N, C-alpha and C. Protein backbone atom coordinates (compact mmCIF):
# COMPACT_ATOMS: atom_id res chain seq x y z
N MET A 1 178.87 111.18 79.04
CA MET A 1 177.98 110.32 78.71
C MET A 1 178.43 108.45 80.12
N ALA A 2 179.57 108.67 80.15
CA ALA A 2 179.93 107.45 80.83
C ALA A 2 179.90 108.04 82.23
N SER A 3 180.49 109.19 82.63
CA SER A 3 180.31 109.56 83.60
C SER A 3 178.40 109.72 84.22
N ARG A 4 178.23 110.04 83.50
CA ARG A 4 176.44 109.80 83.91
C ARG A 4 175.92 108.65 83.97
N LEU A 5 176.23 107.95 83.38
CA LEU A 5 175.94 106.58 83.52
C LEU A 5 176.01 106.42 85.15
N ARG A 6 177.65 106.30 84.83
CA ARG A 6 178.62 105.70 86.77
C ARG A 6 177.58 106.51 87.61
N SER A 7 177.20 107.51 87.51
CA SER A 7 176.61 108.28 88.52
C SER A 7 174.99 107.82 88.84
N LEU A 8 174.32 107.67 87.87
CA LEU A 8 172.95 107.26 87.89
C LEU A 8 173.30 105.99 88.84
N LEU A 9 174.59 104.92 88.28
CA LEU A 9 174.23 103.69 88.73
C LEU A 9 174.40 103.54 90.63
N LEU A 10 175.87 104.58 90.98
CA LEU A 10 176.25 104.66 91.66
C LEU A 10 175.48 105.51 93.05
N ARG A 11 174.05 105.78 92.10
CA ARG A 11 173.74 107.51 93.09
C ARG A 11 172.67 105.83 93.85
N ARG A 12 172.73 106.12 95.03
CA ARG A 12 172.08 105.52 96.03
C ARG A 12 169.98 105.10 95.59
N LYS A 13 169.33 103.85 95.89
CA LYS A 13 168.41 104.48 95.35
C LYS A 13 167.31 104.67 96.21
N ARG A 14 166.21 105.34 96.43
CA ARG A 14 165.28 105.66 97.11
C ARG A 14 164.45 104.29 97.86
N PRO A 15 164.48 104.70 99.48
CA PRO A 15 164.05 102.96 99.76
C PRO A 15 162.82 103.71 99.55
N LEU A 16 162.03 102.87 99.04
CA LEU A 16 160.47 102.11 99.36
C LEU A 16 159.37 102.83 100.58
N GLU A 17 158.27 103.60 99.89
CA GLU A 17 158.05 103.23 101.74
C GLU A 17 156.92 102.32 101.68
N GLU A 18 156.33 101.99 103.01
CA GLU A 18 155.62 100.65 102.84
C GLU A 18 154.69 100.68 102.93
N ALA A 19 154.04 100.41 102.08
CA ALA A 19 152.40 100.07 101.26
C ALA A 19 151.67 99.70 102.96
N GLU A 20 150.66 100.87 102.88
CA GLU A 20 150.07 100.73 104.41
C GLU A 20 148.79 100.39 103.88
N MET A 21 147.76 99.13 104.72
CA MET A 21 146.43 98.65 104.24
C MET A 21 145.40 99.96 104.78
N ASP A 22 144.74 100.41 104.20
CA ASP A 22 143.66 100.41 105.62
C ASP A 22 142.40 99.88 104.87
N ILE A 23 142.00 98.78 106.59
CA ILE A 23 140.83 98.43 107.07
C ILE A 23 140.32 98.55 107.34
N THR A 24 139.63 100.07 106.83
CA THR A 24 138.72 100.83 107.52
C THR A 24 137.21 100.29 106.63
N PRO A 25 136.96 100.23 105.24
CA PRO A 25 136.27 100.14 103.98
C PRO A 25 135.56 98.76 104.32
N MET A 26 137.33 97.45 105.43
CA MET A 26 136.58 96.21 105.33
C MET A 26 135.41 95.91 106.53
N ILE A 27 136.08 96.69 107.37
CA ILE A 27 135.56 96.63 109.31
C ILE A 27 133.96 97.57 108.44
N ASP A 28 134.16 98.71 107.72
CA ASP A 28 132.24 98.83 107.53
C ASP A 28 131.78 98.12 106.33
N CYS A 29 132.39 97.35 106.04
CA CYS A 29 131.33 96.31 105.20
C CYS A 29 131.33 94.54 106.19
N THR A 30 132.00 94.51 106.61
CA THR A 30 132.26 93.50 107.94
C THR A 30 130.35 94.70 109.39
N PHE A 31 130.58 95.58 109.60
CA PHE A 31 129.63 95.70 110.07
C PHE A 31 128.00 95.94 109.78
N GLN A 32 128.02 96.31 108.39
CA GLN A 32 127.03 96.19 107.57
C GLN A 32 126.22 95.02 106.97
N LEU A 33 127.54 93.58 107.28
CA LEU A 33 127.12 91.81 106.69
C LEU A 33 126.32 91.73 108.30
N LEU A 34 126.84 92.06 109.65
CA LEU A 34 126.80 92.03 110.94
C LEU A 34 125.21 93.39 110.97
N ILE A 35 124.84 93.68 110.52
CA ILE A 35 123.47 94.67 110.81
C ILE A 35 122.64 94.21 109.74
N PHE A 36 123.13 93.68 108.11
CA PHE A 36 122.13 92.75 108.06
C PHE A 36 120.93 91.71 108.25
N PHE A 37 122.45 91.11 108.84
CA PHE A 37 121.95 89.18 108.98
C PHE A 37 121.01 89.46 110.40
N MET A 38 121.65 90.51 111.39
CA MET A 38 120.41 90.85 112.81
C MET A 38 119.16 90.81 112.57
N VAL A 39 119.04 91.71 111.22
CA VAL A 39 118.13 92.36 111.19
C VAL A 39 116.57 91.59 110.05
N THR A 40 117.70 90.56 109.38
CA THR A 40 116.85 90.23 108.10
C THR A 40 116.49 88.28 108.90
N SER A 41 117.37 88.23 110.20
CA SER A 41 117.63 86.91 111.14
C SER A 41 115.62 86.91 112.07
N GLN A 42 115.25 85.62 112.25
CA GLN A 42 114.11 85.71 112.56
C GLN A 42 114.11 84.79 113.43
N MET A 43 113.67 85.71 115.47
CA MET A 43 113.79 84.97 116.93
C MET A 43 113.03 84.85 116.79
N LYS A 44 112.78 83.07 117.12
CA LYS A 44 111.64 82.34 117.32
C LYS A 44 112.32 81.94 118.60
N ALA A 45 111.05 81.18 119.16
CA ALA A 45 111.80 80.52 120.74
C ALA A 45 111.34 79.67 119.99
N GLN A 46 112.37 78.46 121.27
CA GLN A 46 112.95 77.53 120.41
C GLN A 46 111.94 76.01 120.63
N ALA A 47 111.65 75.53 120.04
CA ALA A 47 110.86 74.43 120.54
C ALA A 47 110.85 73.66 121.56
N PRO A 48 110.07 72.83 122.41
CA PRO A 48 110.46 72.61 123.74
C PRO A 48 111.24 71.60 123.01
N LEU A 49 111.96 70.47 124.21
CA LEU A 49 112.79 69.38 123.60
C LEU A 49 112.73 68.51 124.90
N ASP A 50 112.56 67.22 123.89
CA ASP A 50 112.26 65.72 124.49
C ASP A 50 113.57 65.25 125.12
N LEU A 51 114.23 65.56 126.57
CA LEU A 51 115.13 65.60 127.38
C LEU A 51 115.13 63.93 127.08
N PRO A 52 116.05 63.16 127.33
CA PRO A 52 116.09 61.32 128.07
C PRO A 52 115.86 61.92 129.36
N LYS A 53 115.40 60.44 130.07
CA LYS A 53 115.71 60.09 131.48
C LYS A 53 116.61 60.07 131.82
N ALA A 54 116.83 60.45 133.21
CA ALA A 54 118.28 60.01 133.72
C ALA A 54 119.08 58.59 133.69
N ARG A 55 120.13 58.32 133.95
CA ARG A 55 120.21 56.75 133.54
C ARG A 55 120.71 56.88 135.32
N HIS A 56 121.67 57.56 135.93
CA HIS A 56 122.21 57.37 136.96
C HIS A 56 121.65 57.61 138.33
N GLY A 57 119.85 58.17 138.62
CA GLY A 57 118.62 58.16 139.52
C GLY A 57 118.01 56.51 139.83
N ALA A 58 118.29 57.25 140.88
CA ALA A 58 117.53 55.98 141.26
C ALA A 58 116.49 56.19 142.30
N VAL A 59 114.97 55.41 141.66
CA VAL A 59 113.52 55.85 142.22
C VAL A 59 113.58 55.43 144.24
N VAL A 60 112.98 56.07 144.66
CA VAL A 60 112.96 55.87 146.20
C VAL A 60 111.48 56.14 146.98
N ALA A 61 111.08 55.02 146.98
CA ALA A 61 109.69 54.33 147.63
C ALA A 61 109.56 55.33 148.68
N GLU A 62 108.62 55.96 148.74
CA GLU A 62 108.34 56.86 150.35
C GLU A 62 107.34 55.68 151.81
N ARG A 63 107.68 54.68 151.16
CA ARG A 63 107.49 53.60 152.21
C ARG A 63 108.73 53.14 152.68
N ASP A 64 109.33 53.21 152.35
CA ASP A 64 110.52 52.44 151.98
C ASP A 64 112.03 53.48 152.53
N ALA A 65 111.28 54.40 153.49
CA ALA A 65 112.53 55.53 154.05
C ALA A 65 111.47 56.33 154.59
N VAL A 66 112.46 57.10 155.75
CA VAL A 66 112.66 57.77 156.33
C VAL A 66 112.05 59.16 155.61
N ILE A 67 111.38 60.13 155.97
CA ILE A 67 110.94 61.13 155.14
C ILE A 67 111.32 62.39 156.46
N LEU A 68 112.00 63.79 155.47
CA LEU A 68 112.15 64.98 156.14
C LEU A 68 111.94 66.20 155.10
N THR A 69 110.89 66.38 155.57
CA THR A 69 110.53 68.05 154.48
C THR A 69 110.91 69.38 155.23
N VAL A 70 112.20 70.01 154.84
CA VAL A 70 112.72 71.42 155.34
C VAL A 70 112.02 72.57 153.87
N THR A 71 111.67 73.51 154.69
CA THR A 71 111.12 74.41 154.40
C THR A 71 112.12 75.25 154.96
N LYS A 72 111.97 77.18 154.68
CA LYS A 72 111.86 78.12 154.63
C LYS A 72 111.50 78.16 156.15
N GLY A 73 112.65 78.45 157.16
CA GLY A 73 111.95 79.65 158.07
C GLY A 73 111.39 80.92 158.30
N SER A 74 111.24 81.26 159.55
CA SER A 74 110.67 82.84 159.94
C SER A 74 112.35 83.48 159.67
N GLY A 75 113.01 83.03 160.51
CA GLY A 75 115.12 83.85 160.14
C GLY A 75 115.43 82.79 159.35
N GLU A 76 116.97 83.16 159.93
CA GLU A 76 117.77 82.69 159.26
C GLU A 76 117.61 80.92 158.83
N SER A 77 117.58 80.13 160.34
CA SER A 77 116.93 78.58 159.99
C SER A 77 116.01 78.13 159.46
N ALA A 78 116.23 76.84 158.72
CA ALA A 78 114.67 76.54 158.45
C ALA A 78 114.72 75.50 158.81
N GLN A 79 112.71 75.40 159.14
CA GLN A 79 111.74 74.32 159.49
C GLN A 79 112.25 72.98 159.15
N VAL A 80 112.12 72.28 159.85
CA VAL A 80 111.99 71.07 159.58
C VAL A 80 111.12 70.27 160.15
N PHE A 81 110.64 69.12 159.50
CA PHE A 81 109.33 67.96 159.62
C PHE A 81 109.14 67.03 159.44
N ARG A 82 108.48 66.00 160.11
CA ARG A 82 108.59 64.57 160.03
C ARG A 82 107.69 64.77 158.98
N GLY A 83 107.82 63.54 158.24
CA GLY A 83 107.23 62.90 157.07
C GLY A 83 107.18 63.95 156.43
N ASN A 84 105.96 64.44 154.91
CA ASN A 84 106.00 65.06 154.43
C ASN A 84 104.63 65.52 154.96
N SER A 85 104.42 66.06 155.76
CA SER A 85 103.54 67.34 156.48
C SER A 85 104.41 68.25 156.98
N THR A 86 103.44 69.79 156.32
CA THR A 86 104.39 71.10 156.32
C THR A 86 103.39 71.52 158.03
N SER A 87 102.68 70.18 158.48
CA SER A 87 101.54 70.92 159.47
C SER A 87 102.43 70.68 161.23
N PRO A 88 102.05 72.52 161.51
CA PRO A 88 103.24 72.71 162.67
C PRO A 88 102.95 71.55 164.30
N THR A 89 102.92 70.98 163.51
CA THR A 89 102.81 69.95 165.55
C THR A 89 103.66 68.89 165.37
N ASP A 90 103.90 68.52 163.62
CA ASP A 90 104.82 67.70 163.25
C ASP A 90 106.50 67.93 163.20
N ARG A 91 106.27 69.45 162.96
CA ARG A 91 107.45 70.41 162.95
C ARG A 91 109.13 69.20 164.22
N ILE A 92 110.05 69.25 163.78
CA ILE A 92 111.38 69.23 164.59
C ILE A 92 111.32 69.90 165.14
N GLU A 93 111.14 70.32 166.56
CA GLU A 93 111.50 71.78 167.23
C GLU A 93 113.13 71.32 167.69
N GLY A 94 113.42 72.84 168.38
CA GLY A 94 114.72 72.78 168.91
C GLY A 94 114.99 74.14 169.33
N ALA A 95 115.94 74.27 170.20
CA ALA A 95 115.62 75.24 170.97
C ALA A 95 116.65 76.87 169.79
N ASN A 96 118.11 75.71 169.51
CA ASN A 96 119.13 76.06 168.88
C ASN A 96 119.09 74.93 167.57
N PRO A 97 120.42 75.12 166.55
CA PRO A 97 120.13 74.19 166.08
C PRO A 97 120.76 72.80 166.03
N VAL A 98 121.91 73.15 167.12
CA VAL A 98 122.31 71.95 168.29
C VAL A 98 121.12 70.53 168.06
N ASP A 99 120.69 71.29 168.77
CA ASP A 99 119.84 70.64 169.48
C ASP A 99 118.75 70.55 168.51
N GLN A 100 118.44 70.78 167.47
CA GLN A 100 117.50 70.47 166.48
C GLN A 100 117.67 69.22 165.52
N GLU A 101 119.32 69.36 165.71
CA GLU A 101 119.67 68.63 164.55
C GLU A 101 119.81 67.27 165.93
N GLU A 102 119.81 67.39 166.45
CA GLU A 102 119.55 66.01 167.84
C GLU A 102 118.91 65.37 167.33
N ALA A 103 117.44 66.22 167.14
CA ALA A 103 116.00 65.65 167.36
C ALA A 103 115.95 64.97 166.57
N ILE A 104 116.45 65.48 165.20
CA ILE A 104 116.74 65.01 163.70
C ILE A 104 116.95 63.43 164.31
N THR A 105 118.47 63.73 164.17
CA THR A 105 119.00 62.28 164.35
C THR A 105 118.21 61.18 165.39
N ARG A 106 117.24 61.62 166.46
CA ARG A 106 116.52 60.73 166.47
C ARG A 106 115.48 60.51 165.79
N TYR A 107 114.79 61.15 165.71
CA TYR A 107 113.65 60.96 164.98
C TYR A 107 113.68 59.98 164.22
N VAL A 108 114.82 59.90 162.73
CA VAL A 108 115.22 59.64 162.07
C VAL A 108 115.88 57.50 162.68
N GLU A 109 116.56 57.81 163.67
CA GLU A 109 116.70 56.44 164.12
C GLU A 109 115.66 55.57 164.58
N GLN A 110 114.67 56.33 165.05
CA GLN A 110 112.97 55.93 165.87
C GLN A 110 112.62 55.54 164.63
N GLN A 111 112.71 56.08 162.80
CA GLN A 111 111.49 55.66 162.39
C GLN A 111 112.44 54.27 161.43
N ALA A 112 113.41 54.15 161.75
CA ALA A 112 114.54 53.64 160.81
C ALA A 112 114.34 52.33 161.71
N ASN A 113 114.31 52.36 163.06
CA ASN A 113 114.62 51.05 163.75
C ASN A 113 113.27 50.43 163.53
N ALA A 114 111.60 51.24 163.98
CA ALA A 114 110.61 51.00 163.90
C ALA A 114 110.04 50.10 162.79
N PRO A 115 109.35 48.69 162.90
CA PRO A 115 109.02 47.70 161.82
C PRO A 115 107.78 48.72 161.35
N PRO A 116 107.94 48.41 159.94
CA PRO A 116 109.08 47.90 158.67
C PRO A 116 110.10 48.57 159.11
N ARG A 117 110.76 47.73 159.31
CA ARG A 117 112.90 48.64 159.04
C ARG A 117 112.62 49.50 158.00
N LYS A 118 112.90 50.61 157.42
CA LYS A 118 113.46 51.65 156.68
C LYS A 118 114.85 51.60 156.72
N ASN A 119 115.33 51.92 155.13
CA ASN A 119 117.08 51.68 155.26
C ASN A 119 117.17 53.17 154.67
N HIS A 120 116.52 53.87 154.39
CA HIS A 120 116.76 55.34 153.33
C HIS A 120 115.70 56.74 154.16
N VAL A 121 116.18 57.64 154.11
CA VAL A 121 116.57 58.49 154.14
C VAL A 121 116.45 59.29 153.02
N LEU A 122 114.63 60.22 152.77
CA LEU A 122 114.68 60.82 152.08
C LEU A 122 114.57 62.32 152.84
N ILE A 123 115.32 63.28 152.22
CA ILE A 123 114.95 64.60 152.79
C ILE A 123 114.57 65.72 150.90
N LYS A 124 113.02 66.06 151.82
CA LYS A 124 112.47 66.36 150.52
C LYS A 124 112.69 68.65 150.97
N ALA A 125 114.07 69.13 150.42
CA ALA A 125 113.53 70.25 150.35
C ALA A 125 113.40 71.75 149.50
N GLU A 126 112.83 72.20 150.27
CA GLU A 126 111.72 73.80 149.28
C GLU A 126 112.51 74.19 148.22
N ARG A 127 112.72 74.41 147.50
CA ARG A 127 112.83 75.33 146.02
C ARG A 127 113.94 76.45 146.90
N GLY A 128 114.37 76.97 146.62
CA GLY A 128 115.29 78.65 146.88
C GLY A 128 115.65 77.88 148.36
N LEU A 129 115.57 77.39 149.04
CA LEU A 129 116.45 76.75 150.59
C LEU A 129 117.74 77.13 150.63
N LYS A 130 118.12 77.66 151.52
CA LYS A 130 119.96 77.93 151.15
C LYS A 130 120.39 76.08 151.65
N HIS A 131 121.69 76.45 150.93
CA HIS A 131 122.40 74.45 151.17
C HIS A 131 122.63 74.39 152.30
N ARG A 132 123.73 75.38 152.99
CA ARG A 132 123.94 75.27 154.38
C ARG A 132 122.93 74.95 155.31
N GLU A 133 121.45 74.72 155.25
CA GLU A 133 120.27 74.25 155.76
C GLU A 133 120.10 73.11 155.38
N VAL A 134 120.07 73.02 154.02
CA VAL A 134 120.30 71.17 153.42
C VAL A 134 120.68 69.80 154.20
N ALA A 135 122.57 70.99 154.08
CA ALA A 135 123.82 70.15 154.73
C ALA A 135 123.55 70.35 156.37
N ARG A 136 122.80 70.60 157.12
CA ARG A 136 122.50 70.30 158.08
C ARG A 136 122.39 69.55 158.88
N VAL A 137 120.49 69.72 157.94
CA VAL A 137 119.84 67.87 158.29
C VAL A 137 120.27 67.22 157.78
N GLN A 138 121.11 67.40 156.21
CA GLN A 138 121.72 65.59 155.95
C GLN A 138 122.71 65.47 156.99
N ARG A 139 123.92 66.68 157.79
CA ARG A 139 124.87 65.72 158.68
C ARG A 139 123.73 65.40 159.67
N ALA A 140 122.66 65.91 160.37
CA ALA A 140 122.05 65.34 161.35
C ALA A 140 121.22 63.40 160.91
N ALA A 141 120.34 63.92 160.00
CA ALA A 141 120.44 62.32 159.55
C ALA A 141 121.30 61.52 159.11
N SER A 142 122.00 61.57 159.28
CA SER A 142 123.42 60.54 158.46
C SER A 142 124.17 60.06 159.55
N LYS A 143 123.92 60.43 161.35
CA LYS A 143 124.79 59.95 162.61
C LYS A 143 123.62 58.87 163.04
N ALA A 144 122.71 58.86 162.26
CA ALA A 144 121.96 57.18 162.50
C ALA A 144 121.96 56.22 161.50
N GLU A 145 121.99 55.65 161.88
CA GLU A 145 122.73 54.36 161.04
C GLU A 145 121.41 54.16 160.04
N ILE A 146 121.87 54.52 158.47
CA ILE A 146 121.12 54.36 157.56
C ILE A 146 121.71 53.49 156.29
N GLU A 147 121.60 53.19 155.68
CA GLU A 147 122.41 52.82 153.93
C GLU A 147 122.35 53.66 153.60
N GLN A 148 121.51 54.97 152.86
CA GLN A 148 121.46 55.46 151.58
C GLN A 148 120.77 57.09 152.32
N LEU A 149 121.09 58.32 151.69
CA LEU A 149 120.34 59.32 152.50
C LEU A 149 119.75 59.97 150.63
N TYR A 150 119.05 60.50 150.51
CA TYR A 150 118.63 61.17 148.64
C TYR A 150 117.99 62.63 149.40
N VAL A 151 117.93 63.24 148.82
CA VAL A 151 118.11 64.67 148.59
C VAL A 151 117.15 64.97 147.64
N ALA A 152 116.09 65.68 147.46
CA ALA A 152 114.95 65.92 147.09
C ALA A 152 114.70 67.43 147.20
N VAL A 153 113.91 68.53 145.49
CA VAL A 153 113.93 69.46 145.54
C VAL A 153 112.35 69.89 145.38
N MET A 154 110.95 69.36 145.98
CA MET A 154 110.22 69.91 146.10
C MET A 154 109.18 71.32 144.93
N GLN A 155 108.78 70.60 143.97
CA GLN A 155 107.66 71.26 142.71
C GLN A 155 107.38 72.67 143.45
N ALA A 156 107.15 73.45 142.92
CA ALA A 156 106.28 74.53 143.28
C ALA A 156 104.72 74.22 142.84
N GLU A 157 103.45 74.14 144.25
CA GLU A 157 102.86 73.54 143.28
C GLU A 157 101.48 74.83 142.80
């Protein structure tokens, strides 16, 4: 009996198999919960928010500013107009963009120096206009001696 006991003690223990956890039922429960909440939740349009007014924007009086209106042109370049008008008679023409930029600079200088003196330039750009066109008009207007240059986006009527 002692030999048998000794053989049992000396015999190696079988390594235990690692227990694996099956996560398939847990994934099934997760998807069922997800489907439940998606089906039972109500999709409502949110109420309109009252957003606070901007604190860093400044009001520009149109009577104190030289106004340029920029709209989409027929080709790649935009059309630039004097004042709030989009009339063909108020269009600032140029054979090419460089000539048009010089005409914009001359117009801004004339209007800024005419009495009453105007210290600001307000560029009203049509929504959807390419930024490079607005930037081109900005560069041309900034060549004149002015204090501030503002850009606004026109609302669709």
